[in-house]
Protein backbone atom coordinates (compact mmCIF):
# COMPACT_ATOMS: atom_id res chain seq x y z
CA MET A 1 -31.08 28.72 -16.70
CA LYS A 2 -26.88 28.78 -15.79
CA ARG A 3 -26.86 31.55 -17.47
CA LYS A 4 -29.30 34.00 -16.08
CA LYS A 5 -27.78 33.29 -12.77
CA ILE A 6 -24.60 34.46 -13.68
CA ILE A 7 -26.16 37.35 -14.89
CA LYS A 8 -27.64 38.10 -11.39
CA LEU A 9 -24.48 37.98 -9.82
CA ILE A 10 -23.34 40.65 -12.22
CA ILE A 11 -26.00 42.54 -11.58
CA TRP A 12 -25.71 42.57 -8.18
CA GLY A 13 -21.90 43.29 -7.94
CA ILE A 14 -22.67 46.42 -9.85
CA GLY A 15 -24.99 47.52 -7.52
CA LEU A 16 -22.66 46.64 -4.58
CA VAL A 17 -20.16 48.62 -6.52
CA CYS A 18 -22.72 51.72 -6.54
CA ILE A 19 -23.66 51.31 -2.50
CA ILE A 20 -19.98 51.30 -1.56
CA GLY A 21 -18.97 54.12 -3.84
CA ILE A 22 -21.56 56.29 -2.33
CA ALA A 23 -20.89 55.62 0.98
CA ASN A 24 -17.28 56.42 0.63
CA PHE A 25 -17.94 59.52 -0.83
CA ILE A 26 -18.67 61.26 2.01
CA ILE A 27 -16.20 59.70 4.22
CA THR A 28 -12.01 60.23 4.31
CA SER A 29 -9.68 59.31 1.22
CA GLY A 30 -7.53 56.73 3.82
CA THR A 31 -10.89 54.71 4.57
CA VAL A 32 -12.09 54.65 1.07
CA GLU A 33 -8.75 52.81 0.07
CA ARG A 34 -8.85 50.04 2.94
CA ASN A 35 -13.07 49.45 2.06
CA SER A 36 -11.77 48.89 -1.62
CA ALA A 37 -9.65 46.66 -1.27
CA ASP A 38 -11.98 44.86 1.32
CA TYR A 39 -14.08 45.10 -1.69
CA GLU A 40 -11.86 43.40 -4.12
CA LYS A 41 -10.98 40.16 -1.54
CA ALA A 42 -15.08 40.05 -1.04
CA LYS A 43 -15.57 39.88 -4.26
CA ILE A 44 -12.74 37.68 -5.42
CA LYS A 45 -14.08 35.18 -2.10
CA ASN A 46 -17.51 35.44 -3.78
CA TRP A 47 -16.48 34.31 -6.77
CA ASN A 48 -14.45 31.55 -6.13
CA ALA A 49 -17.18 30.30 -3.81
CA VAL A 50 -19.59 30.41 -7.20
CA MET A 51 -16.78 28.58 -9.09
CA ALA A 52 -15.90 25.54 -6.16
CA LYS A 53 -19.88 25.04 -6.38
CA SER A 54 -19.83 24.83 -9.75
CA SER A 55 -16.69 22.06 -9.77
CA ASN A 56 -17.90 20.39 -6.93
CA LYS A 57 -21.53 19.68 -8.78
CA LYS A 58 -19.15 17.25 -11.19
CA VAL A 59 -16.31 14.71 -10.32
CA ILE A 60 -13.06 16.41 -10.48
CA ASN A 61 -10.57 14.65 -12.28
CA LEU A 62 -6.65 14.88 -10.83
CA GLN A 63 -3.74 13.90 -12.85
CA VAL A 64 -0.28 14.16 -11.07
CA ASP A 65 3.18 13.38 -13.23
CA ASN A 66 0.99 12.59 -16.16
CA LYS A 67 -0.43 10.05 -14.42
CA LYS A 68 -4.26 9.80 -14.49
CA ILE A 69 -4.98 9.25 -10.88
CA GLU A 70 -8.81 7.38 -10.64
CA SER A 71 -10.32 5.42 -8.39
CA LYS A 72 -14.13 5.50 -7.06
CA ASP A 73 -13.44 5.08 -3.54
CA TYR A 74 -12.68 8.73 -2.71
CA THR A 75 -13.71 11.98 -3.51
CA LEU A 76 -11.32 15.20 -4.82
CA TYR A 77 -13.74 18.61 -4.06
CA MET A 78 -12.97 22.22 -3.96
CA SER A 79 -12.91 24.53 -1.18
CA ASP A 80 -14.38 27.95 -1.45
CA ASN A 81 -11.49 29.56 -1.75
CA MET A 82 -10.83 27.14 -5.04
CA ASN A 83 -8.26 25.21 -3.47
CA LEU A 84 -8.32 21.63 -4.50
CA MET A 85 -8.65 19.40 -1.28
CA ILE A 86 -7.38 15.77 -1.37
CA PRO A 87 -8.29 12.53 0.78
CA ILE A 88 -4.82 12.04 2.90
CA ASN A 89 -4.88 8.27 2.12
CA ILE A 90 -3.99 8.52 -1.56
CA ILE A 91 -1.11 11.30 -1.31
CA MET A 92 1.47 8.60 -0.70
CA ASP A 93 1.04 7.10 -3.92
CA VAL A 94 0.01 9.74 -6.06
CA PHE A 95 2.91 12.38 -4.68
CA ASP A 96 5.32 9.58 -3.86
CA CYS A 97 5.60 10.65 -0.12
CA SER A 98 5.22 9.34 3.20
CA GLN A 99 2.54 10.56 5.22
CA ASN A 100 1.07 9.51 9.06
CA ILE A 101 -1.41 11.07 11.41
CA TYR A 102 -0.17 11.08 15.07
CA ASN A 103 -2.72 11.42 18.14
CA ASN A 104 -5.15 11.76 15.31
CA LYS A 105 -4.49 15.67 14.70
CA ARG A 106 -0.82 15.99 13.95
CA VAL A 107 -0.35 15.25 10.07
CA ILE A 108 3.46 14.53 9.15
CA VAL A 109 4.00 14.74 5.16
CA GLU A 110 7.51 13.96 4.07
CA LYS A 111 9.06 14.18 0.96
CA GLY A 112 12.66 13.26 0.10
CA ARG A 113 14.34 15.80 2.78
CA ASN A 114 11.28 17.87 3.45
CA ILE A 115 8.86 17.89 6.14
CA ALA A 116 5.50 19.28 6.63
CA VAL A 117 3.69 19.32 9.71
CA MET A 118 0.41 20.36 9.93
CA TYR A 119 -3.09 19.58 12.25
CA ILE A 120 -6.19 18.60 11.65
CA GLY A 121 -8.58 21.90 11.92
CA LYS A 122 -6.11 24.40 11.87
CA ASP A 123 -4.77 26.38 8.94
CA THR A 124 -0.87 26.69 9.55
CA ILE A 125 1.84 24.72 8.05
CA ILE A 126 5.63 24.21 9.55
CA PHE A 127 7.83 23.15 6.84
CA ASN A 128 11.55 22.18 7.64
CA ASP A 129 10.79 24.22 10.90
CA ASN A 130 9.43 27.21 9.34
CA GLN A 131 5.96 28.19 10.32
CA TYR A 132 3.69 29.46 7.57
CA LYS A 133 -0.28 29.81 7.51
CA LEU A 134 -2.31 28.18 4.78
CA GLN A 135 -5.40 29.27 3.07
CA ASP A 136 -7.16 26.48 4.00
CA LYS A 137 -7.78 24.55 6.66
CA VAL A 138 -6.10 20.27 7.15
CA VAL A 139 -9.87 19.45 7.77
CA ARG A 140 -11.85 16.14 8.33
CA LYS A 141 -14.93 15.52 6.03
CA ASN A 142 -16.69 11.81 6.29
CA GLY A 143 -14.31 10.60 8.10
CA THR A 144 -11.42 11.03 5.47
CA VAL A 145 -8.43 13.60 6.16
CA TYR A 146 -8.17 16.26 3.40
CA ILE A 147 -5.46 18.54 3.00
CA PRO A 148 -5.21 21.35 0.37
CA ALA A 149 -3.07 20.51 -2.80
CA ASN A 150 -1.47 24.30 -2.73
CA ILE A 151 0.83 22.69 -0.05
CA PHE A 152 2.61 20.89 -2.93
CA LYS A 153 2.31 23.39 -4.92
CA ASP A 154 3.69 26.16 -1.77
CA TYR A 155 6.33 24.12 -0.55
CA PHE A 156 6.82 20.80 -2.21
CA ASN A 157 7.63 22.87 -5.25
CA TYR A 158 5.07 21.22 -7.72
CA LYS A 159 3.62 23.20 -10.65
CA TYR A 160 -0.70 23.26 -10.46
CA THR A 161 -2.82 24.24 -13.12
CA TRP A 162 -6.82 23.83 -13.21
CA ASP A 163 -8.67 23.23 -16.22
CA SER A 164 -12.51 24.82 -15.27
CA GLN A 165 -13.52 23.20 -18.68
CA LEU A 166 -12.19 19.87 -17.68
CA ASN A 167 -12.51 19.76 -14.22
CA LYS A 168 -9.66 18.98 -14.00
CA ALA A 169 -5.83 19.73 -12.16
CA PHE A 170 -3.05 19.17 -13.37
CA MET A 171 0.21 18.51 -11.35
CA ASN A 172 4.25 17.94 -11.98
CA ASP A 173 6.64 17.82 -9.45
CA ARG A 174 9.04 20.24 -10.57
CA ALA A 175 11.91 19.07 -7.56
CA VAL A 176 13.13 15.70 -8.28
CA LYS A 177 16.61 16.32 -7.92
CA ASP A 178 15.59 17.32 -4.02
CA SER A 179 13.05 14.21 -3.87
CA LYS A 180 15.90 12.12 -2.78
CA LEU A 181 15.84 9.73 0.41
CA PRO A 182 17.18 10.99 3.56
CA THR A 183 20.92 9.59 4.82
CA ARG A 184 19.03 8.45 7.81
CA TYR A 185 15.76 6.99 8.61
CA SER A 186 14.11 5.70 11.70
CA TYR A 187 11.10 4.46 12.75
CA ILE A 188 12.24 4.74 16.37
CA ASP A 189 13.27 8.38 15.65
CA LYS A 190 9.85 8.77 13.98
CA LYS A 191 7.57 7.35 16.84
CA ARG A 192 6.40 4.76 14.22
CA ALA A 193 8.30 1.59 15.51
CA VAL A 194 6.15 -1.30 17.62
CA GLU A 195 6.89 -2.33 20.73
CA VAL A 196 10.05 -5.78 20.41
CA LYS A 197 8.80 -8.82 20.96
CA ASP A 198 10.31 -12.43 22.12
CA GLN A 199 9.69 -15.54 19.91
CA GLY A 200 11.11 -17.71 22.86
CA ASN A 201 12.28 -20.80 21.84
CA TYR A 202 10.21 -21.64 18.97
CA GLY A 203 11.13 -21.71 15.13
CA THR A 204 8.61 -18.67 14.93
CA CYS A 205 10.56 -15.96 13.56
CA TRP A 206 9.21 -16.01 10.38
CA ALA A 207 5.31 -15.32 11.80
CA PHE A 208 6.92 -12.51 14.22
CA ALA A 209 8.42 -10.67 11.23
CA THR A 210 5.93 -10.50 9.26
CA LEU A 211 3.11 -9.61 11.91
CA THR A 212 5.54 -6.57 13.07
CA ALA A 213 6.24 -5.30 9.78
CA LEU A 214 1.91 -5.35 9.37
CA GLU A 215 1.51 -3.69 12.60
CA THR A 216 4.43 -0.82 11.45
CA SER A 217 2.76 -0.36 8.05
CA LEU A 218 -0.89 0.85 10.44
CA MET A 219 1.40 2.77 12.74
CA PRO A 220 1.01 5.81 13.81
CA GLU A 221 -2.56 5.74 13.08
CA GLU A 222 -3.07 2.48 14.42
CA LYS A 223 -1.38 0.47 17.41
CA MET A 224 -2.00 -3.14 17.04
CA ASP A 225 -0.92 -6.39 18.54
CA PHE A 226 -1.24 -9.22 16.27
CA SER A 227 -1.42 -12.87 17.20
CA GLU A 228 1.58 -15.15 16.14
CA ASN A 229 0.12 -18.39 17.60
CA ASN A 230 -2.74 -17.54 15.17
CA LEU A 231 -0.68 -17.18 12.32
CA VAL A 232 1.34 -20.50 12.57
CA TYR A 233 -1.48 -22.76 13.67
CA ASN A 234 -4.20 -21.64 11.12
CA ASN A 235 -2.39 -21.10 8.05
CA ASP A 236 -3.29 -23.98 5.59
CA LEU A 237 0.27 -25.02 5.21
CA GLY A 238 0.01 -26.81 8.01
CA ASN A 239 3.55 -26.57 9.35
CA ASP A 240 4.50 -26.94 13.20
CA ILE A 241 5.43 -24.44 15.60
CA GLN A 242 9.38 -25.49 15.23
CA ASP A 243 8.90 -26.49 11.70
CA GLY A 244 9.99 -22.80 10.82
CA GLY A 245 8.30 -20.89 7.97
CA ASP A 246 8.71 -18.38 5.44
CA TYR A 247 6.99 -14.85 4.12
CA MET A 248 5.20 -17.20 1.22
CA MET A 249 3.31 -19.19 4.26
CA ALA A 250 2.30 -15.82 5.85
CA MET A 251 0.73 -14.45 2.43
CA SER A 252 -1.21 -17.48 1.85
CA TYR A 253 -2.89 -16.72 5.59
CA LEU A 254 -3.55 -13.36 5.16
CA MET A 255 -4.69 -13.10 1.77
CA ALA A 256 -7.34 -15.67 2.40
CA TRP A 257 -8.22 -13.33 5.07
CA LYS A 258 -7.74 -16.45 7.86
CA GLY A 259 -6.01 -13.22 9.63
CA PRO A 260 -4.90 -11.60 11.35
CA VAL A 261 -6.26 -11.65 15.09
CA LEU A 262 -5.31 -10.05 17.99
CA GLU A 263 -2.90 -11.62 20.50
CA LYS A 264 -5.25 -10.83 23.18
CA ASP A 265 -7.76 -13.54 21.26
CA ASP A 266 -4.95 -15.91 20.68
CA LYS A 267 -2.45 -15.57 22.95
CA TYR A 268 1.56 -17.02 21.90
CA GLY A 269 2.97 -20.35 22.83
CA ASN A 270 -0.66 -22.48 22.80
CA GLU A 271 -0.51 -25.72 21.24
CA THR A 272 -3.29 -24.78 19.30
CA TYR A 273 -5.12 -22.16 18.04
CA ASN A 274 -8.71 -19.90 18.58
CA LYS A 275 -10.66 -20.58 15.69
CA ASN A 276 -13.22 -17.99 17.00
CA ALA A 277 -10.87 -15.21 17.14
CA LYS A 278 -12.44 -12.61 15.21
CA VAL A 279 -10.02 -11.41 11.92
CA VAL A 280 -9.53 -7.16 12.69
CA LYS A 281 -8.01 -6.49 8.88
CA HIS A 282 -7.73 -7.28 5.23
CA VAL A 283 -4.54 -7.61 3.62
CA GLN A 284 -4.92 -6.95 -0.17
CA GLU A 285 -1.59 -6.30 -1.53
CA ALA A 286 2.39 -7.02 -0.60
CA GLN A 287 4.94 -6.22 -2.81
CA ILE A 288 7.87 -8.52 -2.88
CA ILE A 289 11.21 -6.38 -3.38
CA PRO A 290 13.49 -7.63 -5.86
CA GLU A 291 16.64 -8.93 -3.92
CA LYS A 292 19.79 -6.61 -3.10
CA ASN A 293 17.14 -3.36 -4.37
CA TYR A 294 18.20 -0.64 -1.29
CA GLU A 295 16.45 1.78 -2.79
CA GLN A 296 13.48 0.45 -2.96
CA ILE A 297 13.71 -1.19 0.37
CA LYS A 298 13.92 1.93 1.72
CA GLU A 299 11.49 3.36 -0.07
CA MET A 300 8.99 1.20 1.10
CA VAL A 301 9.97 1.82 4.99
CA TYR A 302 9.64 5.39 4.10
CA LYS A 303 6.20 4.98 2.48
CA TYR A 304 4.63 2.02 3.57
CA GLY A 305 5.95 -0.02 6.25
CA GLY A 306 8.65 -2.12 7.66
CA VAL A 307 10.53 -4.50 5.63
CA GLU A 308 10.42 -8.26 6.18
CA THR A 309 13.59 -9.81 5.34
CA SER A 310 15.78 -12.97 5.69
CA MET A 311 19.30 -13.33 6.75
CA TYR A 312 21.43 -15.96 8.19
CA MET A 313 21.96 -15.51 11.76
CA SER A 314 24.86 -16.95 13.50
CA MET A 315 23.44 -17.30 16.98
CA SER A 316 19.89 -18.46 18.00
CA ASN A 317 18.89 -15.97 21.00
CA ALA A 318 20.02 -13.03 22.64
CA ASP A 319 22.03 -14.82 25.26
CA MET A 320 24.28 -16.01 22.19
CA SER A 321 27.93 -14.04 21.10
CA SER A 322 28.47 -14.08 17.45
CA VAL A 323 32.22 -13.10 15.32
CA TYR A 324 29.93 -11.58 13.33
CA TYR A 325 27.99 -9.29 16.01
CA ASN A 326 29.89 -6.46 17.56
CA GLU A 327 27.67 -6.48 20.98
CA THR A 328 28.89 -3.00 22.18
CA GLU A 329 27.78 -1.20 18.59
CA HIS A 330 24.89 -3.96 18.18
CA ALA A 331 26.01 -4.33 14.70
CA TYR A 332 26.00 -7.29 12.53
CA CYS A 333 27.67 -8.45 9.40
CA TYR A 334 27.81 -12.01 7.81
CA LYS A 335 29.65 -13.00 4.65
CA GLY A 336 29.57 -16.61 4.27
CA ASN A 337 27.57 -18.98 2.32
CA ASN A 338 25.31 -20.23 4.63
CA LYS A 339 21.87 -19.89 3.70
CA PRO A 340 19.31 -17.61 5.16
CA ASN A 341 17.70 -19.05 8.70
CA HIS A 342 16.52 -15.66 10.49
CA ASP A 343 14.05 -13.30 9.45
CA VAL A 344 13.99 -9.42 10.86
CA VAL A 345 12.21 -6.26 10.25
CA ILE A 346 13.70 -3.52 8.53
CA ILE A 347 12.44 -0.61 10.28
CA GLY A 348 15.21 1.96 9.14
CA TRP A 349 18.29 2.93 7.63
CA ASP A 350 21.43 5.16 8.49
CA ASP A 351 23.72 5.75 5.31
CA ASN A 352 26.72 7.19 6.76
CA TYR A 353 26.77 4.09 9.74
CA SER A 354 30.40 3.44 9.84
CA LYS A 355 31.87 0.28 8.44
CA GLU A 356 34.29 0.60 11.75
CA LEU A 357 31.61 -0.34 13.61
CA PHE A 358 31.57 -3.80 12.62
CA ASN A 359 33.93 -6.51 13.71
CA ASP A 360 34.92 -7.76 10.24
CA LYS A 361 37.21 -4.79 8.84
CA SER A 362 37.04 -6.15 5.65
CA ILE A 363 33.44 -4.51 4.88
CA LYS A 364 34.21 -1.66 1.65
CA GLY A 365 31.97 0.99 2.48
CA ASP A 366 29.94 2.46 5.20
CA GLY A 367 26.12 2.12 5.93
CA ALA A 368 23.50 -0.17 7.65
CA PHE A 369 19.99 -1.13 8.06
CA ILE A 370 18.65 -1.05 11.02
CA CYS A 371 16.12 -4.00 12.15
CA MET A 372 14.10 -5.37 14.54
CA ASN A 373 14.38 -8.99 15.83
CA SER A 374 12.11 -11.29 17.55
CA TRP A 375 14.48 -11.85 20.59
CA GLY A 376 13.39 -9.60 23.34
CA GLU A 377 14.73 -5.62 24.20
CA ASP A 378 17.85 -7.59 26.13
CA PHE A 379 19.17 -8.16 22.49
CA GLY A 380 21.01 -5.51 21.10
CA TYR A 381 19.50 -2.16 21.61
CA LYS A 382 16.12 -2.28 23.12
CA GLY A 383 15.27 -5.23 20.82
CA THR A 384 16.89 -3.37 17.22
CA PHE A 385 20.26 -3.69 15.82
CA TYR A 386 22.52 -2.41 13.06
CA VAL A 387 22.56 -4.67 9.70
CA SER A 388 25.58 -3.75 7.27
CA TYR A 389 24.84 -2.94 3.72
CA TYR A 390 27.39 -5.59 2.95
CA ASP A 391 26.02 -8.51 4.70
CA ASP A 392 25.68 -11.31 2.12
CA LEU A 393 22.40 -12.12 2.60
CA ILE A 394 20.24 -9.26 4.34
CA GLY A 395 18.26 -7.33 1.41
CA LYS A 396 17.61 -10.72 -0.76
CA ASN A 397 14.28 -12.24 -0.05
CA ASN A 398 11.90 -9.17 0.74
CA VAL A 399 8.41 -8.23 1.76
CA CYS A 400 6.08 -5.34 2.55
CA TYR A 401 2.29 -5.31 3.43
CA THR A 402 1.54 -2.13 1.33
CA LYS A 403 -2.56 -2.23 1.29
CA VAL A 404 -3.76 -3.19 4.67
CA GLU A 405 -7.63 -2.25 4.98
CA ASP A 406 -10.79 -2.38 7.14
CA THR A 407 -12.47 -5.55 6.94
CA ASP A 408 -15.67 -3.79 5.78
CA ASN A 409 -13.66 -3.22 2.36
CA TYR A 410 -15.67 -6.27 1.05
CA LYS A 411 -18.26 -8.75 1.89
CA SER A 412 -17.12 -11.39 0.54
CA ILE A 413 -14.24 -13.40 -0.97
CA TYR A 414 -14.11 -16.11 -3.90
CA GLN A 415 -11.31 -18.46 -3.65
CA SER A 416 -9.72 -21.70 -3.98
CA ASP A 417 -6.42 -21.27 -2.70
CA LEU A 418 -5.98 -21.43 0.81
CA CYS A 419 -2.39 -22.12 0.57
CA GLY A 420 -1.43 -20.06 -1.32
CA TRP A 421 1.44 -19.54 -4.35
CA THR A 422 3.28 -22.28 -4.32
CA GLY A 423 3.59 -22.54 -7.66
CA THR A 424 3.89 -21.68 -11.21
CA MET A 425 2.92 -22.73 -14.64
CA GLY A 426 3.43 -21.77 -18.32
CA PHE A 427 4.40 -22.64 -22.03
CA GLN A 428 7.60 -22.29 -24.08
CA ASN A 429 8.16 -19.35 -25.70
CA GLU A 430 5.16 -17.93 -25.14
CA PRO A 431 5.28 -14.34 -23.19
CA THR A 432 1.47 -14.27 -22.82
CA VAL A 433 -0.85 -16.49 -21.14
CA TYR A 434 -4.61 -16.64 -20.04
CA PHE A 435 -5.47 -17.78 -16.38
CA SER A 436 -9.40 -18.15 -15.35
CA ASN A 437 -11.13 -18.60 -12.22
CA VAL A 438 -14.36 -19.74 -12.04
CA PHE A 439 -17.02 -19.08 -8.89
CA LYS A 440 -20.15 -19.81 -8.03
CA ALA A 441 -21.99 -16.58 -6.79
CA LYS A 442 -22.66 -16.88 -3.05
CA VAL A 443 -25.47 -14.33 -2.47
CA ASP A 444 -27.02 -11.71 -5.00
CA ASP A 445 -23.36 -10.22 -5.03
CA LYS A 446 -21.53 -6.86 -6.80
CA ILE A 447 -18.19 -8.54 -7.74
CA LYS A 448 -15.76 -5.22 -6.77
CA SER A 449 -11.97 -6.07 -7.35
CA VAL A 450 -10.00 -9.50 -7.89
CA GLY A 451 -6.77 -10.60 -6.33
CA PHE A 452 -4.11 -12.58 -7.97
CA TYR A 453 -0.39 -13.00 -7.53
CA GLY A 454 2.35 -11.59 -9.93
CA THR A 455 5.09 -13.76 -10.23
CA ASP A 456 7.18 -11.84 -11.96
CA THR A 457 8.62 -8.22 -12.53
CA ASN A 458 7.19 -5.91 -14.94
CA LEU A 459 3.49 -7.58 -15.19
CA GLN A 460 1.24 -6.49 -17.92
CA TYR A 461 -1.96 -7.49 -17.32
CA GLU A 462 -6.10 -7.17 -18.44
CA VAL A 463 -8.85 -8.29 -16.38
CA PHE A 464 -11.82 -9.32 -18.09
CA VAL A 465 -15.36 -10.64 -16.13
CA CYS A 466 -17.75 -13.25 -17.49
CA THR A 467 -20.75 -12.72 -15.45
CA ASP A 468 -22.60 -15.80 -16.91
CA TYR A 469 -20.51 -18.43 -17.34
CA LYS A 470 -21.99 -21.50 -18.99
CA ASN A 471 -18.91 -23.57 -20.61
CA ASN A 472 -14.98 -22.65 -21.64
CA ALA A 473 -17.29 -21.03 -25.08
CA SER A 474 -17.67 -18.41 -22.40
CA LEU A 475 -14.22 -17.54 -21.56
CA ASN A 476 -13.80 -16.54 -24.94
CA GLU A 477 -16.15 -13.63 -24.57
CA ARG A 478 -13.57 -10.81 -24.03
CA SER A 479 -14.73 -7.67 -25.17
CA HIS A 480 -14.60 -5.43 -22.66
CA VAL A 481 -11.24 -5.27 -20.62
CA ALA A 482 -12.29 -4.68 -17.22
CA ALA A 483 -9.31 -3.28 -15.44
CA SER A 484 -5.53 -3.13 -17.20
CA GLY A 485 -2.06 -1.75 -16.16
CA LYS A 486 1.33 -3.01 -14.96
CA LEU A 487 2.96 -4.75 -12.19
CA THR A 488 6.64 -3.60 -11.33
CA ASN A 489 7.00 -5.83 -8.63
CA LYS A 490 6.61 -9.77 -7.76
CA GLY A 491 3.69 -10.05 -5.22
CA PHE A 492 -0.44 -10.32 -4.38
CA TYR A 493 -2.54 -7.71 -6.05
CA THR A 494 -6.20 -6.49 -5.32
CA ILE A 495 -7.20 -5.01 -8.40
CA GLU A 496 -10.24 -2.24 -9.25
CA LEU A 497 -12.79 -3.55 -11.61
CA ASP A 498 -14.00 -0.38 -13.99
CA LYS A 499 -17.30 -1.07 -12.46
CA GLU A 500 -19.62 -3.55 -9.99
CA TYR A 501 -21.01 -6.73 -11.97
CA ALA A 502 -24.19 -7.91 -10.76
CA VAL A 503 -24.50 -11.55 -10.54
CA LYS A 504 -27.30 -13.81 -9.01
CA LYS A 505 -27.20 -15.87 -5.86
CA ASN A 506 -25.86 -19.78 -7.65
CA GLN A 507 -24.84 -18.27 -10.74
CA LYS A 508 -21.78 -19.73 -12.23
CA PHE A 509 -19.46 -16.31 -12.73
CA ALA A 510 -15.41 -16.38 -14.09
CA ILE A 511 -12.67 -13.79 -13.71
CA ILE A 512 -10.24 -13.90 -16.60
CA ILE A 513 -6.65 -12.87 -16.83
CA LYS A 514 -4.07 -11.91 -19.14
CA VAL A 515 -0.68 -11.81 -18.48
CA THR A 516 2.34 -10.36 -20.74
CA ASN A 517 6.19 -10.06 -19.65
CA ASN A 518 8.57 -9.72 -22.89
CA ASN A 519 11.80 -10.94 -20.57
CA ASN A 520 13.01 -12.98 -22.96
CA ASP A 521 12.52 -16.49 -21.01
CA ASN A 522 12.67 -19.44 -22.99
CA VAL A 523 9.83 -20.63 -20.84
CA PHE A 524 7.35 -18.50 -19.20
CA LYS A 525 5.87 -18.74 -15.90
CA LEU A 526 3.53 -16.56 -15.55
CA ILE A 527 0.25 -18.51 -13.90
CA PRO A 528 0.01 -18.44 -10.00
CA VAL A 529 -1.04 -21.53 -8.81
CA GLU A 530 -1.84 -23.83 -5.52
CA MET A 531 0.14 -27.11 -5.69
CA GLN A 532 1.21 -29.59 -3.89
CA THR A 533 4.69 -29.63 -2.62
CA LYS A 534 6.95 -32.24 -0.65
CA SER A 535 7.62 -29.57 1.94
CA MET A 536 4.09 -29.03 2.93
CA GLU A 537 2.45 -30.54 5.27
CA GLY A 538 -1.25 -29.23 4.03
CA LYS A 539 -2.90 -31.07 1.30
CA VAL A 540 -4.05 -28.90 -1.51
CA ASP A 541 -7.86 -29.40 -1.96
CA LEU A 542 -8.76 -29.67 -5.68
CA THR A 543 -12.41 -29.90 -5.24
CA ASP A 544 -13.00 -26.59 -3.98
CA GLY A 545 -12.30 -25.11 -7.21
CA GLU A 546 -12.49 -24.85 -11.17
CA GLY A 547 -9.51 -23.09 -12.89
CA TYR A 548 -8.53 -22.74 -16.37
CA PHE A 549 -5.61 -21.65 -18.35
CA SER A 550 -4.60 -21.25 -21.55
CA SER A 551 -1.62 -19.62 -24.41
CA SER A 552 -3.86 -18.44 -26.64
CA GLY A 553 -7.10 -17.52 -24.72
CA VAL A 554 -9.06 -19.52 -27.08
CA ASN A 555 -7.83 -23.19 -26.53
CA TRP A 556 -8.51 -23.56 -22.43
CA GLN A 557 -6.89 -26.61 -20.19
CA SER A 558 -8.26 -27.42 -16.68
CA ALA A 559 -6.07 -26.36 -14.04
CA GLU A 560 -7.19 -29.30 -11.55
CA ASN A 561 -6.13 -31.76 -13.98
CA GLN A 562 -2.50 -30.40 -13.37
CA GLY A 563 -2.96 -31.08 -10.14
CA CYS A 564 -3.38 -27.60 -9.12
CA ASN A 565 -5.65 -24.56 -8.86
CA ILE A 566 -5.12 -21.01 -9.98
CA CYS A 567 -4.46 -18.32 -7.68
CA LEU A 568 -6.92 -15.94 -8.68
CA LYS A 569 -9.56 -14.32 -5.92
CA ALA A 570 -12.84 -12.09 -6.39
CA TYR A 571 -14.40 -9.65 -4.56
CA GLY A 572 -18.22 -9.04 -3.45
CA ALA A 573 -19.74 -5.93 -2.48
CA ASN A 574 -22.52 -7.22 -1.19
């Protein structure tokens, strides 16, 4: 049947040639040339439309820099001009660039030192301040913004190849040397900064830094004000508002879907929290950046959002002064042996910020991070200040919230680690370990994804699903790998499974994780667990889960018998 359709098209084309030829015979030669060109354009356009229709009937695949791009949550399609249209929400990771939408219409893509500005519904692009015309418009389709892939080919120097037999596009970056980050980048300049807040006299800098970082990850598309009060009082670790905290406390709260909630629903400064406040986002990924890895910190700020980091602050409020702080230049640099006592958010950098602007004249070089504090606008420059690259503690403890989704992403969450990742387990001389959680389905459900903490860098993982758990022998039936990959950084990750796994209400099912890290350690602490620590006021509940671990994947031990819960979650679609 397809062959007959193609034949019909060819016959129609031949007929059209004849008609045009007869008409052109009786008019001027100049018109003949013009009409001939118009015909060629029409023929190409019609042929492209036919090819696009054929491609769109099948799944379109994409490979960028030898990496196959796979997801069930987005769709690629061909325009009538046979241009590949890519959803903008994937280009950040796929093309290693920054993308933001301003005022629901202006699209800005930045890669290295190149900037492209486009508008939804228009076929123009402003690339590095020069305007050009696009073959296809930037469009919004089914609530998703799509941009033509040839933008990366024509302006960001990617090689593009389309294989019609495979129905697959291949793209490779030919401008790696031009992809360096800019020497200066600031959320203030880019209008991605959120409003500066004031923690007052409470020890809540960690909560303000967490939620400021989270809010910046949504800017400029979404401007939200989250409740620090709810984070402080509604985390299961149970610390008081004056006790202080850290990003691990915040992660336990966020990954358990206990928040964030809006500030208007739970005002700061109360001695309790609103138990009925509505959770407005689901945080599904947070990457812990290796200490003093400035390039990666910059990349995270550039692509995802502000980086929460710790430092030693010799002042406790905006009214104080310090030998480490130049008030005139809003420049801070600490060198010493004190431990971190304050959290701020890195929202930019300036590689050329002069070392001469800091009080400490022994600083070896230029460069500083642009940080947002939580002491109100009276501190620094409207609440922000510069921290030297040579500060002893800046950039040592860092986290960035790299995947924040709407609350309709999943219908259910299965978990037993409400206090989060508070400890690790492992085996001596065993670089591969297995850990598992057994859950009981709340409803007839479809398990779509799993979530767990990576306890080390460069972890290789495999995920297995047992939909009908009977006993520990069920954990050994792992013939099918549901997901696999590598985690570069420590942190929490949500892993999408290869399909949805159906489970019946009250049916027990198990998620099994295999992780490997050949880092030459004697003891490989690769299993993330929730366990009681001396600093925790909250209590770990060992009755709410059923976790197991193994060095071989054959002989399993109970995590609860070791006084801990396995930090492993499952997410259902129903």
